[in-house]
């Protein structure tokens, strides 16, 4: 096996989510983990920020 095959297998094993789907086309989504609420925000530059 080569490194490309290994990377492809790794990517297939990890869930992939579209940020625009999570925000339903907006700029922000709330995510709950262990009772804590986090905010996922898409910046004007198209980057992601995750905060508590």
N, C-alpha and C. Protein backbone atom coordinates (compact mmCIF):
# COMPACT_ATOMS: atom_id res chain seq x y z
N UNK A 1 0.83 -1.19 0.00
CA UNK A 1 0.00 0.00 0.00
C UNK A 1 0.87 1.24 0.00
N UNK A 2 0.32 2.30 -0.59
CA UNK A 2 1.07 3.54 -0.58
C UNK A 2 0.41 4.55 0.35
N UNK A 3 1.06 5.69 0.56
CA UNK A 3 0.57 6.70 1.48
C UNK A 3 -0.78 7.25 1.04
N UNK A 4 -1.01 7.38 -0.26
CA UNK A 4 -2.29 7.90 -0.77
C UNK A 4 -3.43 6.95 -0.42
N UNK A 5 -3.21 5.67 -0.54
CA UNK A 5 -4.23 4.68 -0.19
C UNK A 5 -4.51 4.73 1.31
N UNK A 6 -3.46 4.84 2.12
CA UNK A 6 -3.63 4.93 3.57
C UNK A 6 -4.43 6.18 3.95
N UNK A 7 -4.14 7.32 3.32
CA UNK A 7 -4.85 8.57 3.61
C UNK A 7 -6.30 8.46 3.19
N UNK A 8 -6.56 7.85 2.05
CA UNK A 8 -7.92 7.67 1.57
C UNK A 8 -8.72 6.81 2.55
N UNK A 9 -8.12 5.77 3.04
CA UNK A 9 -8.77 4.87 4.00
C UNK A 9 -9.08 5.62 5.30
N UNK A 10 -8.14 6.46 5.76
CA UNK A 10 -8.35 7.25 6.97
C UNK A 10 -9.50 8.23 6.78
N UNK A 11 -9.54 8.92 5.65
CA UNK A 11 -10.61 9.88 5.39
C UNK A 11 -11.97 9.19 5.33
N UNK A 12 -12.02 7.98 4.81
CA UNK A 12 -13.27 7.24 4.75
C UNK A 12 -13.74 6.81 6.14
N UNK A 13 -12.81 6.66 7.08
CA UNK A 13 -13.15 6.18 8.41
C UNK A 13 -13.66 7.29 9.34
N UNK A 14 -13.38 8.54 9.01
CA UNK A 14 -13.76 9.68 9.85
C UNK A 14 -14.99 10.35 9.25
N UNK A 15 -16.04 10.60 10.07
CA UNK A 15 -17.23 11.27 9.53
C UNK A 15 -16.88 12.64 8.94
N UNK A 16 -17.51 12.97 7.83
CA UNK A 16 -17.28 14.24 7.15
C UNK A 16 -18.60 15.00 7.11
N UNK A 17 -18.60 16.24 7.61
CA UNK A 17 -19.81 17.06 7.65
C UNK A 17 -19.55 18.38 6.95
N UNK A 18 -20.49 18.83 6.16
CA UNK A 18 -20.39 20.11 5.47
C UNK A 18 -20.78 21.22 6.45
N UNK A 19 -19.92 22.20 6.66
CA UNK A 19 -20.19 23.28 7.61
C UNK A 19 -21.43 24.07 7.23
N UNK A 20 -21.66 24.27 5.93
CA UNK A 20 -22.85 25.00 5.50
C UNK A 20 -24.12 24.21 5.80
N UNK A 21 -24.04 22.89 5.78
CA UNK A 21 -25.19 22.07 6.14
C UNK A 21 -25.44 22.17 7.64
N UNK A 22 -24.37 22.18 8.43
CA UNK A 22 -24.53 22.32 9.88
C UNK A 22 -25.15 23.66 10.26
N UNK A 23 -24.80 24.71 9.53
CA UNK A 23 -25.33 26.04 9.83
C UNK A 23 -26.61 26.33 9.05
N UNK A 24 -27.06 25.33 8.28
CA UNK A 24 -28.26 25.46 7.44
C UNK A 24 -28.18 26.69 6.55
N UNK A 25 -26.99 26.92 5.97
CA UNK A 25 -26.78 28.02 5.04
C UNK A 25 -26.45 29.34 5.70
N UNK A 26 -26.49 29.38 7.02
CA UNK A 26 -26.18 30.61 7.76
C UNK A 26 -24.72 30.68 8.12
N UNK A 27 -24.43 31.43 9.16
CA UNK A 27 -23.05 31.63 9.59
C UNK A 27 -22.72 30.96 10.92
N UNK A 28 -23.75 30.43 11.62
CA UNK A 28 -23.49 29.91 12.96
C UNK A 28 -24.36 28.70 13.27
N UNK A 29 -23.80 27.78 14.06
CA UNK A 29 -24.54 26.61 14.53
C UNK A 29 -24.14 26.37 15.98
N UNK A 30 -25.03 25.77 16.73
CA UNK A 30 -24.75 25.39 18.10
C UNK A 30 -24.53 23.88 18.14
N UNK A 31 -23.54 23.45 18.91
CA UNK A 31 -23.20 22.04 19.04
C UNK A 31 -23.17 21.71 20.53
N UNK A 32 -23.82 20.62 20.93
CA UNK A 32 -23.85 20.21 22.33
C UNK A 32 -22.95 19.00 22.51
N UNK A 33 -22.10 19.04 23.55
CA UNK A 33 -21.24 17.92 23.91
C UNK A 33 -21.19 17.85 25.42
N UNK A 34 -21.63 16.71 25.97
CA UNK A 34 -21.61 16.49 27.42
C UNK A 34 -22.28 17.63 28.19
N UNK A 35 -23.38 18.13 27.67
CA UNK A 35 -24.13 19.18 28.35
C UNK A 35 -23.59 20.58 28.14
N UNK A 36 -22.47 20.71 27.44
CA UNK A 36 -21.88 22.03 27.16
C UNK A 36 -22.28 22.45 25.75
N UNK A 37 -22.60 23.73 25.59
CA UNK A 37 -22.99 24.25 24.27
C UNK A 37 -21.81 25.00 23.67
N UNK A 38 -21.48 24.65 22.43
CA UNK A 38 -20.41 25.29 21.69
C UNK A 38 -21.01 26.01 20.49
N UNK A 39 -20.34 27.04 20.04
CA UNK A 39 -20.77 27.80 18.87
C UNK A 39 -19.76 27.58 17.74
N UNK A 40 -20.26 27.16 16.59
CA UNK A 40 -19.43 27.01 15.39
C UNK A 40 -19.80 28.16 14.47
N UNK A 41 -18.81 29.00 14.14
CA UNK A 41 -19.08 30.18 13.32
C UNK A 41 -18.22 30.17 12.08
N UNK A 42 -18.81 30.57 10.95
CA UNK A 42 -18.07 30.72 9.71
C UNK A 42 -17.76 32.21 9.55
N UNK A 43 -16.48 32.54 9.43
CA UNK A 43 -16.08 33.94 9.31
C UNK A 43 -16.29 34.44 7.88
N UNK A 44 -16.15 35.75 7.71
CA UNK A 44 -16.26 36.34 6.35
C UNK A 44 -15.18 35.82 5.43
N UNK A 45 -14.05 35.41 6.01
CA UNK A 45 -12.94 34.86 5.21
C UNK A 45 -13.13 33.38 4.90
N UNK A 46 -14.25 32.79 5.39
CA UNK A 46 -14.53 31.39 5.11
C UNK A 46 -13.81 30.42 6.04
N UNK A 47 -13.37 30.90 7.19
CA UNK A 47 -12.71 30.03 8.16
C UNK A 47 -13.70 29.67 9.27
N UNK A 48 -13.39 28.63 10.02
CA UNK A 48 -14.26 28.19 11.10
C UNK A 48 -13.69 28.55 12.46
N UNK A 49 -14.58 28.97 13.36
CA UNK A 49 -14.21 29.24 14.74
C UNK A 49 -15.17 28.46 15.63
N UNK A 50 -14.62 27.68 16.55
CA UNK A 50 -15.41 26.93 17.52
C UNK A 50 -15.11 27.48 18.90
N UNK A 51 -16.17 27.97 19.60
CA UNK A 51 -16.00 28.53 20.92
C UNK A 51 -17.00 27.95 21.90
N UNK A 52 -16.68 28.05 23.17
CA UNK A 52 -17.57 27.61 24.24
C UNK A 52 -18.58 28.68 24.53
